[in-house]
Amino acid sequence: LKMEGGDVVIETRDLSHKEMEDAVEHDNKLKSSIVPIDKSSIHRICSGQVVVTLASALKELIENSLDAHSSCLEIRLEDGGATCIEVIDDGDGIPQADFQAVTMKHCTSKLQSFEDLETVNTFGFRGEALWSLCALSDVTIVTRTRDGETGRKIEYDHHGHIKSEEEEVRAKNGTTVSLRNIFKRQPVRRQTLLRILKRETAKMLQTVEAYSLVFPNVRFHLSNTNTNSLQNPSSSFSSSQSSSSSELHLN
């Protein structure tokens, strides 16, 4: 509280996570039942709000590729996307200086302030997609810039931090993002996914078809391979025999 011109002014501010923990520790003397959620759980919960389906995960990867000026996108699924979703593009690639920032929350090259929203002309600008996908799956990126002599392969942990990095001599220009075992850290959602996998995979197909109509100059190639590695055999995308595969070419 403070006085300004005879009026009482109330100033407020958001508490930091540390301040909230200190406040709760103080209130624990009164045996409060309300406590702050740990940071790891917050990450997993918030990530699940950004990416809720296989189609939404694929959408984020497609939009990243389109923002990187790609002219060709190859989308590879394993077991209808339940085992792996991989998007390969021929775009600008990721500079080495951005390897860590690309998976950090609210880190973006698209804007610097709120006012920049008026001039944003890209799909992504919040800096949440890859950060969320790291929490929900095992993320690997292989990338090579247009002027790069070789590529790099980077593996990330579930907090978006670089776990390993190595040279990838055979990498082509562009970026490949692989998501393995999506939702494995959320057992209930994972089991639900396996029960409705055919429906989820159909939504991914619809997503690819929609982008192909909006971007007629971009070539889309979608393929699926069944590995029969799922715990629930009935969730296989194709009713064909083992090691079956299917492809779809658009544009």
C-alpha atoms as a PDB file:
ATOM      1  CA  LEU A   1       0.000   0.000   0.000  1.00  0.00           C
ATOM      2  CA  LYS A   2       1.090   3.588  -0.631  1.00  0.00           C
ATOM      3  CA  MET A   3      -0.455   7.041  -0.736  1.00  0.00           C
ATOM      4  CA  GLU A   4      -0.646   9.094  -3.940  1.00  0.00           C
ATOM      5  CA  GLY A   5      -2.435  12.452  -3.812  1.00  0.00           C
ATOM      6  CA  GLY A   6      -4.489  11.399  -0.834  1.00  0.00           C
ATOM      7  CA  ASP A   7      -5.567   8.127  -2.512  1.00  0.00           C
ATOM      8  CA  VAL A   8      -4.591   4.679  -1.373  1.00  0.00           C
ATOM      9  CA  VAL A   9      -2.861   2.709  -4.155  1.00  0.00           C
ATOM     10  CA  ILE A  10      -2.482  -1.061  -3.970  1.00  0.00           C
ATOM     11  CA  GLU A  11       0.479  -2.467  -5.897  1.00  0.00           C
ATOM     12  CA  THR A  12       0.664  -6.163  -6.771  1.00  0.00           C
ATOM     13  CA  ARG A  13       3.277  -8.385  -8.367  1.00  0.00           C
ATOM     14  CA  ASP A  14       3.593 -12.067  -9.260  1.00  0.00           C
ATOM     15  CA  LEU A  15       5.525 -14.190  -6.789  1.00  0.00           C
ATOM     16  CA  SER A  16       8.481 -16.197  -8.041  1.00  0.00           C
ATOM     17  CA  HIS A  17       8.440 -19.965  -7.666  1.00  0.00           C
ATOM     18  CA  LYS A  18      10.965 -19.645  -4.801  1.00  0.00           C
ATOM     19  CA  GLU A  19       8.803 -17.073  -3.035  1.00  0.00           C
ATOM     20  CA  MET A  20       5.757 -19.320  -3.367  1.00  0.00           C
ATOM     21  CA  GLU A  21       7.681 -22.237  -1.899  1.00  0.00           C
ATOM     22  CA  ASP A  22       8.855 -20.046   1.010  1.00  0.00           C
ATOM     23  CA  ALA A  23       5.311 -18.840   1.626  1.00  0.00           C
ATOM     24  CA  VAL A  24       3.971 -22.389   1.657  1.00  0.00           C
ATOM     25  CA  GLU A  25       6.769 -23.496   3.986  1.00  0.00           C
ATOM     26  CA  HIS A  26       5.668 -20.731   6.355  1.00  0.00           C
ATOM     27  CA  ASP A  27       2.032 -21.812   6.033  1.00  0.00           C
ATOM     28  CA  ASN A  28       2.970 -25.427   6.652  1.00  0.00           C
ATOM     29  CA  LYS A  29       3.117 -24.531  10.295  1.00  0.00           C
ATOM     30  CA  LEU A  30      -0.651 -24.255   9.948  1.00  0.00           C
ATOM     31  CA  LYS A  31      -0.697 -27.598   8.056  1.00  0.00           C
ATOM     32  CA  SER A  32      -1.922 -26.162   4.742  1.00  0.00           C
ATOM     33  CA  SER A  33      -3.080 -28.766   2.236  1.00  0.00           C
ATOM     34  CA  ILE A  34      -2.212 -26.504  -0.752  1.00  0.00           C
ATOM     35  CA  VAL A  35       1.383 -26.867  -1.948  1.00  0.00           C
ATOM     36  CA  PRO A  36       3.205 -25.814  -5.163  1.00  0.00           C
ATOM     37  CA  ILE A  37       3.647 -28.449  -7.859  1.00  0.00           C
ATOM     38  CA  ASP A  38       7.250 -29.432  -8.512  1.00  0.00           C
ATOM     39  CA  LYS A  39       8.842 -28.004 -11.671  1.00  0.00           C
ATOM     40  CA  SER A  40       9.146 -31.360 -13.428  1.00  0.00           C
ATOM     41  CA  SER A  41       5.422 -32.041 -13.043  1.00  0.00           C
ATOM     42  CA  ILE A  42       4.584 -28.505 -14.180  1.00  0.00           C
ATOM     43  CA  HIS A  43       6.588 -29.131 -17.356  1.00  0.00           C
ATOM     44  CA  ARG A  44       4.757 -32.368 -18.112  1.00  0.00           C
ATOM     45  CA  ILE A  45       1.313 -30.905 -17.396  1.00  0.00           C
ATOM     46  CA  CYS A  46       1.819 -27.732 -19.451  1.00  0.00           C
ATOM     47  CA  SER A  47       3.348 -29.700 -22.328  1.00  0.00           C
ATOM     48  CA  GLY A  48       0.255 -31.862 -22.475  1.00  0.00           C
ATOM     49  CA  GLN A  49      -1.821 -28.728 -22.994  1.00  0.00           C
ATOM     50  CA  VAL A  50       0.239 -27.632 -26.026  1.00  0.00           C
ATOM     51  CA  VAL A  51       0.373 -31.064 -27.698  1.00  0.00           C
ATOM     52  CA  VAL A  52      -2.749 -33.130 -27.086  1.00  0.00           C
ATOM     53  CA  THR A  53      -2.849 -35.504 -30.095  1.00  0.00           C
ATOM     54  CA  LEU A  54      -0.532 -37.061 -32.673  1.00  0.00           C
ATOM     55  CA  ALA A  55      -1.992 -34.663 -35.231  1.00  0.00           C
ATOM     56  CA  SER A  56      -1.117 -31.630 -33.104  1.00  0.00           C
ATOM     57  CA  ALA A  57       2.453 -32.913 -32.690  1.00  0.00           C
ATOM     58  CA  LEU A  58       2.759 -33.395 -36.451  1.00  0.00           C
ATOM     59  CA  LYS A  59       1.221 -29.967 -37.061  1.00  0.00           C
ATOM     60  CA  GLU A  60       3.941 -28.291 -34.982  1.00  0.00           C
ATOM     61  CA  LEU A  61       6.692 -30.049 -36.943  1.00  0.00           C
ATOM     62  CA  ILE A  62       5.134 -29.252 -40.328  1.00  0.00           C
ATOM     63  CA  GLU A  63       4.793 -25.576 -39.443  1.00  0.00           C
ATOM     64  CA  ASN A  64       8.417 -25.428 -38.293  1.00  0.00           C
ATOM     65  CA  SER A  65       9.470 -26.838 -41.661  1.00  0.00           C
ATOM     66  CA  LEU A  66       7.301 -24.399 -43.607  1.00  0.00           C
ATOM     67  CA  ASP A  67       8.697 -21.498 -41.577  1.00  0.00           C
ATOM     68  CA  ALA A  68      12.184 -22.715 -42.620  1.00  0.00           C
ATOM     69  CA  HIS A  69      11.263 -22.190 -46.321  1.00  0.00           C
ATOM     70  CA  SER A  70      11.057 -25.892 -47.159  1.00  0.00           C
ATOM     71  CA  SER A  71       9.885 -27.001 -50.593  1.00  0.00           C
ATOM     72  CA  CYS A  72       9.656 -30.715 -49.776  1.00  0.00           C
ATOM     73  CA  LEU A  73       8.492 -32.482 -46.618  1.00  0.00           C
ATOM     74  CA  GLU A  74       8.850 -36.208 -46.073  1.00  0.00           C
ATOM     75  CA  ILE A  75       6.811 -37.532 -43.150  1.00  0.00           C
ATOM     76  CA  ARG A  76       7.619 -40.996 -41.884  1.00  0.00           C
ATOM     77  CA  LEU A  77       5.440 -42.793 -39.344  1.00  0.00           C
ATOM     78  CA  GLU A  78       6.090 -46.017 -37.485  1.00  0.00           C
ATOM     79  CA  ASP A  79       3.026 -47.868 -36.231  1.00  0.00           C
ATOM     80  CA  GLY A  80       0.754 -45.018 -37.251  1.00  0.00           C
ATOM     81  CA  GLY A  81       2.852 -42.511 -35.288  1.00  0.00           C
ATOM     82  CA  ALA A  82       2.685 -44.297 -31.928  1.00  0.00           C
ATOM     83  CA  THR A  83       6.282 -45.526 -32.174  1.00  0.00           C
ATOM     84  CA  CYS A  84       7.790 -42.691 -34.198  1.00  0.00           C
ATOM     85  CA  ILE A  85       6.871 -39.504 -36.045  1.00  0.00           C
ATOM     86  CA  GLU A  86       9.645 -38.139 -38.234  1.00  0.00           C
ATOM     87  CA  VAL A  87       9.553 -35.051 -40.453  1.00  0.00           C
ATOM     88  CA  ILE A  88      12.361 -34.479 -42.955  1.00  0.00           C
ATOM     89  CA  ASP A  89      12.583 -31.139 -44.775  1.00  0.00           C
ATOM     90  CA  ASP A  90      14.932 -29.356 -47.158  1.00  0.00           C
ATOM     91  CA  GLY A  91      14.685 -26.002 -45.405  1.00  0.00           C
ATOM     92  CA  ASP A  92      17.225 -23.569 -43.987  1.00  0.00           C
ATOM     93  CA  GLY A  93      18.539 -25.880 -41.276  1.00  0.00           C
ATOM     94  CA  ILE A  94      19.369 -24.881 -37.697  1.00  0.00           C
ATOM     95  CA  PRO A  95      22.591 -22.959 -36.961  1.00  0.00           C
ATOM     96  CA  GLN A  96      24.775 -24.556 -34.290  1.00  0.00           C
ATOM     97  CA  ALA A  97      24.403 -21.483 -32.071  1.00  0.00           C
ATOM     98  CA  ASP A  98      20.654 -22.239 -31.827  1.00  0.00           C
ATOM     99  CA  PHE A  99      20.863 -25.937 -30.958  1.00  0.00           C
ATOM    100  CA  GLN A 100      20.015 -25.351 -27.286  1.00  0.00           C
ATOM    101  CA  ALA A 101      17.682 -22.374 -27.629  1.00  0.00           C
ATOM    102  CA  VAL A 102      15.459 -24.182 -30.134  1.00  0.00           C
ATOM    103  CA  THR A 103      14.044 -26.443 -27.403  1.00  0.00           C
ATOM    104  CA  MET A 104      13.843 -23.860 -24.622  1.00  0.00           C
ATOM    105  CA  LYS A 105      10.458 -22.501 -23.507  1.00  0.00           C
ATOM    106  CA  HIS A 106       9.499 -19.081 -24.859  1.00  0.00           C
ATOM    107  CA  CYS A 107      12.684 -18.798 -26.928  1.00  0.00           C
ATOM    108  CA  THR A 108      11.932 -17.648 -30.482  1.00  0.00           C
ATOM    109  CA  SER A 109      13.489 -15.716 -33.344  1.00  0.00           C
ATOM    110  CA  LYS A 110      10.099 -14.542 -34.577  1.00  0.00           C
ATOM    111  CA  LEU A 111       9.498 -11.663 -32.146  1.00  0.00           C
ATOM    112  CA  GLN A 112      11.183  -9.645 -29.434  1.00  0.00           C
ATOM    113  CA  SER A 113       8.199  -7.885 -27.850  1.00  0.00           C
ATOM    114  CA  PHE A 114       4.403  -8.108 -27.691  1.00  0.00           C
ATOM    115  CA  GLU A 115       4.072  -5.355 -30.301  1.00  0.00           C
ATOM    116  CA  ASP A 116       5.856  -7.562 -32.853  1.00  0.00           C
ATOM    117  CA  LEU A 117       2.716  -9.738 -33.012  1.00  0.00           C
ATOM    118  CA  GLU A 118       1.252  -7.216 -35.443  1.00  0.00           C
ATOM    119  CA  THR A 119       3.924  -8.027 -38.026  1.00  0.00           C
ATOM    120  CA  VAL A 120       4.512 -11.756 -37.448  1.00  0.00           C
ATOM    121  CA  ASN A 121       4.099 -13.681 -40.709  1.00  0.00           C
ATOM    122  CA  THR A 122       5.156 -17.154 -39.566  1.00  0.00           C
ATOM    123  CA  PHE A 123       3.266 -20.051 -38.004  1.00  0.00           C
ATOM    124  CA  GLY A 124       5.371 -20.375 -34.877  1.00  0.00           C
ATOM    125  CA  PHE A 125       6.239 -17.517 -32.555  1.00  0.00           C
ATOM    126  CA  ARG A 126       5.544 -18.696 -28.970  1.00  0.00           C
ATOM    127  CA  GLY A 127       8.594 -20.908 -28.551  1.00  0.00           C
ATOM    128  CA  GLU A 128       6.669 -23.769 -26.925  1.00  0.00           C
ATOM    129  CA  ALA A 129       6.385 -26.550 -29.508  1.00  0.00           C
ATOM    130  CA  LEU A 130       9.739 -28.349 -29.291  1.00  0.00           C
ATOM    131  CA  TRP A 131       9.977 -27.663 -25.560  1.00  0.00           C
ATOM    132  CA  SER A 132       6.637 -29.437 -25.103  1.00  0.00           C
ATOM    133  CA  LEU A 133       7.537 -32.287 -27.442  1.00  0.00           C
ATOM    134  CA  CYS A 134      10.726 -32.936 -25.459  1.00  0.00           C
ATOM    135  CA  ALA A 135       8.624 -33.457 -22.337  1.00  0.00           C
ATOM    136  CA  LEU A 136       6.289 -35.877 -24.118  1.00  0.00           C
ATOM    137  CA  SER A 137       8.679 -37.931 -26.263  1.00  0.00           C
ATOM    138  CA  ASP A 138      12.302 -38.742 -27.101  1.00  0.00           C
ATOM    139  CA  VAL A 139      13.412 -35.973 -29.468  1.00  0.00           C
ATOM    140  CA  THR A 140      16.305 -36.224 -31.917  1.00  0.00           C
ATOM    141  CA  ILE A 141      17.224 -33.556 -34.475  1.00  0.00           C
ATOM    142  CA  VAL A 142      19.551 -33.944 -37.441  1.00  0.00           C
ATOM    143  CA  THR A 143      20.220 -30.661 -39.219  1.00  0.00           C
ATOM    144  CA  ARG A 144      22.481 -29.044 -41.785  1.00  0.00           C
ATOM    145  CA  THR A 145      22.352 -25.421 -42.908  1.00  0.00           C
ATOM    146  CA  ARG A 146      22.476 -24.541 -46.606  1.00  0.00           C
ATOM    147  CA  ASP A 147      26.096 -23.423 -46.331  1.00  0.00           C
ATOM    148  CA  GLY A 148      27.183 -26.101 -43.855  1.00  0.00           C
ATOM    149  CA  GLU A 149      29.837 -28.628 -44.828  1.00  0.00           C
ATOM    150  CA  THR A 150      28.406 -31.345 -42.561  1.00  0.00           C
ATOM    151  CA  GLY A 151      25.366 -31.838 -40.392  1.00  0.00           C
ATOM    152  CA  ARG A 152      24.884 -32.404 -36.674  1.00  0.00           C
ATOM    153  CA  LYS A 153      22.796 -34.916 -34.757  1.00  0.00           C
ATOM    154  CA  ILE A 154      21.435 -33.711 -31.413  1.00  0.00           C
ATOM    155  CA  GLU A 155      19.539 -35.716 -28.803  1.00  0.00           C
ATOM    156  CA  TYR A 156      17.542 -33.894 -26.132  1.00  0.00           C
ATOM    157  CA  ASP A 157      16.400 -34.917 -22.680  1.00  0.00           C
ATOM    158  CA  HIS A 158      12.850 -34.432 -21.391  1.00  0.00           C
ATOM    159  CA  HIS A 159      13.651 -30.923 -20.170  1.00  0.00           C
ATOM    160  CA  GLY A 160      14.818 -29.784 -23.605  1.00  0.00           C
ATOM    161  CA  HIS A 161      18.509 -29.854 -22.676  1.00  0.00           C
ATOM    162  CA  ILE A 162      21.076 -31.279 -25.080  1.00  0.00           C
ATOM    163  CA  LYS A 163      21.906 -34.833 -24.062  1.00  0.00           C
ATOM    164  CA  SER A 164      24.369 -35.619 -26.850  1.00  0.00           C
ATOM    165  CA  GLU A 165      25.672 -34.033 -30.032  1.00  0.00           C
ATOM    166  CA  GLU A 166      27.738 -35.528 -32.827  1.00  0.00           C
ATOM    167  CA  GLU A 167      28.717 -34.910 -36.423  1.00  0.00           C
ATOM    168  CA  GLU A 168      26.438 -36.365 -39.088  1.00  0.00           C
ATOM    169  CA  VAL A 169      28.445 -36.452 -42.328  1.00  0.00           C
ATOM    170  CA  ARG A 170      25.624 -37.884 -44.448  1.00  0.00           C
ATOM    171  CA  ALA A 171      23.065 -35.266 -43.416  1.00  0.00           C
ATOM    172  CA  LYS A 172      21.402 -33.429 -46.287  1.00  0.00           C
ATOM    173  CA  ASN A 173      20.527 -29.742 -46.239  1.00  0.00           C
ATOM    174  CA  GLY A 174      17.530 -29.143 -43.987  1.00  0.00           C
ATOM    175  CA  THR A 175      16.275 -30.603 -40.723  1.00  0.00           C
ATOM    176  CA  THR A 176      14.974 -33.966 -39.580  1.00  0.00           C
ATOM    177  CA  VAL A 177      13.017 -34.094 -36.319  1.00  0.00           C
ATOM    178  CA  SER A 178      12.179 -37.488 -34.817  1.00  0.00           C
ATOM    179  CA  LEU A 179       9.677 -38.028 -32.005  1.00  0.00           C
ATOM    180  CA  ARG A 180       9.798 -41.501 -30.502  1.00  0.00           C
ATOM    181  CA  ASN A 181       7.276 -43.060 -28.107  1.00  0.00           C
ATOM    182  CA  ILE A 182       5.141 -39.960 -27.731  1.00  0.00           C
ATOM    183  CA  PHE A 183       3.164 -39.688 -24.470  1.00  0.00           C
ATOM    184  CA  LYS A 184       5.220 -42.501 -22.908  1.00  0.00           C
ATOM    185  CA  ARG A 185       5.687 -40.341 -19.793  1.00  0.00           C
ATOM    186  CA  GLN A 186       1.904 -40.006 -19.505  1.00  0.00           C
ATOM    187  CA  PRO A 187       0.759 -43.633 -19.152  1.00  0.00           C
ATOM    188  CA  VAL A 188      -2.986 -42.959 -19.209  1.00  0.00           C
ATOM    189  CA  ARG A 189      -2.798 -40.841 -22.350  1.00  0.00           C
ATOM    190  CA  ARG A 190      -0.466 -43.386 -23.941  1.00  0.00           C
ATOM    191  CA  GLN A 191      -2.927 -46.219 -23.349  1.00  0.00           C
ATOM    192  CA  THR A 192      -5.760 -44.089 -24.699  1.00  0.00           C
ATOM    193  CA  LEU A 193      -3.690 -43.343 -27.792  1.00  0.00           C
ATOM    194  CA  LEU A 194      -3.108 -47.028 -28.481  1.00  0.00           C
ATOM    195  CA  ARG A 195      -6.836 -47.741 -28.209  1.00  0.00           C
ATOM    196  CA  ILE A 196      -7.778 -45.077 -30.764  1.00  0.00           C
ATOM    197  CA  LEU A 197      -4.618 -45.181 -32.877  1.00  0.00           C
ATOM    198  CA  LYS A 198      -6.369 -45.669 -36.220  1.00  0.00           C
ATOM    199  CA  ARG A 199      -8.476 -42.582 -35.594  1.00  0.00           C
ATOM    200  CA  GLU A 200      -5.424 -40.570 -34.518  1.00  0.00           C
ATOM    201  CA  THR A 201      -3.458 -41.605 -37.589  1.00  0.00           C
ATOM    202  CA  ALA A 202      -6.382 -40.683 -39.838  1.00  0.00           C
ATOM    203  CA  LYS A 203      -6.332 -37.188 -38.292  1.00  0.00           C
ATOM    204  CA  MET A 204      -2.647 -36.902 -39.172  1.00  0.00           C
ATOM    205  CA  LEU A 205      -3.449 -37.793 -42.764  1.00  0.00           C
ATOM    206  CA  GLN A 206      -6.125 -35.100 -42.819  1.00  0.00           C
ATOM    207  CA  THR A 207      -3.609 -32.614 -41.398  1.00  0.00           C
ATOM    208  CA  VAL A 208      -1.101 -33.339 -44.163  1.00  0.00           C
ATOM    209  CA  GLU A 209      -3.792 -33.091 -46.831  1.00  0.00           C
ATOM    210  CA  ALA A 210      -4.928 -29.714 -45.456  1.00  0.00           C
ATOM    211  CA  TYR A 211      -1.427 -28.218 -45.589  1.00  0.00           C
ATOM    212  CA  SER A 212      -0.878 -29.606 -49.083  1.00  0.00           C
ATOM    213  CA  LEU A 213      -3.949 -27.692 -50.283  1.00  0.00           C
ATOM    214  CA  VAL A 214      -2.788 -24.448 -48.676  1.00  0.00           C
ATOM    215  CA  PHE A 215       0.781 -24.851 -49.974  1.00  0.00           C
ATOM    216  CA  PRO A 216       0.480 -26.260 -53.509  1.00  0.00           C
ATOM    217  CA  ASN A 217       4.152 -25.478 -54.238  1.00  0.00           C
ATOM    218  CA  VAL A 218       5.366 -27.684 -51.392  1.00  0.00           C
ATOM    219  CA  ARG A 219       5.699 -31.415 -51.978  1.00  0.00           C
ATOM    220  CA  PHE A 220       4.426 -33.685 -49.198  1.00  0.00           C
ATOM    221  CA  HIS A 221       5.277 -37.376 -48.905  1.00  0.00           C
ATOM    222  CA  LEU A 222       3.724 -39.432 -46.104  1.00  0.00           C
ATOM    223  CA  SER A 223       4.638 -43.035 -45.368  1.00  0.00           C
ATOM    224  CA  ASN A 224       3.801 -45.481 -42.591  1.00  0.00           C
ATOM    225  CA  THR A 225       5.540 -48.681 -41.556  1.00  0.00           C
ATOM    226  CA  ASN A 226       4.134 -51.146 -39.057  1.00  0.00           C
ATOM    227  CA  THR A 227       6.819 -52.692 -36.864  1.00  0.00           C
ATOM    228  CA  ASN A 228       4.425 -54.678 -34.660  1.00  0.00           C
ATOM    229  CA  SER A 229       6.375 -53.461 -31.628  1.00  0.00           C
ATOM    230  CA  LEU A 230       3.330 -52.085 -29.793  1.00  0.00           C
ATOM    231  CA  GLN A 231       2.116 -53.724 -26.614  1.00  0.00           C
ATOM    232  CA  ASN A 232      -1.434 -53.608 -27.938  1.00  0.00           C
ATOM    233  CA  PRO A 233      -1.431 -55.506 -31.276  1.00  0.00           C
ATOM    234  CA  SER A 234      -4.971 -54.389 -32.098  1.00  0.00           C
ATOM    235  CA  SER A 235      -3.782 -50.797 -32.334  1.00  0.00           C
ATOM    236  CA  SER A 236      -1.764 -51.390 -35.497  1.00  0.00           C
ATOM    237  CA  PHE A 237      -2.502 -48.797 -38.167  1.00  0.00           C
ATOM    238  CA  SER A 238      -2.785 -51.295 -41.014  1.00  0.00           C
ATOM    239  CA  SER A 239      -4.675 -54.573 -41.035  1.00  0.00           C
ATOM    240  CA  SER A 240      -2.058 -56.063 -43.367  1.00  0.00           C
ATOM    241  CA  GLN A 241       0.584 -58.563 -42.328  1.00  0.00           C
ATOM    242  CA  SER A 242       3.716 -57.728 -40.306  1.00  0.00           C
ATOM    243  CA  SER A 243       6.206 -55.149 -41.606  1.00  0.00           C
ATOM    244  CA  SER A 244       3.482 -53.650 -43.803  1.00  0.00           C
ATOM    245  CA  SER A 245       3.919 -50.141 -45.146  1.00  0.00           C
ATOM    246  CA  SER A 246       1.887 -47.550 -47.018  1.00  0.00           C
ATOM    247  CA  GLU A 247       2.674 -44.266 -48.754  1.00  0.00           C
ATOM    248  CA  LEU A 248       0.916 -41.117 -49.848  1.00  0.00           C
ATOM    249  CA  HIS A 249       2.267 -38.499 -52.241  1.00  0.00           C
ATOM    250  CA  LEU A 250       0.739 -35.023 -52.380  1.00  0.00           C
ATOM    251  CA  ASN A 251       1.586 -32.215 -54.822  1.00  0.00           C
END
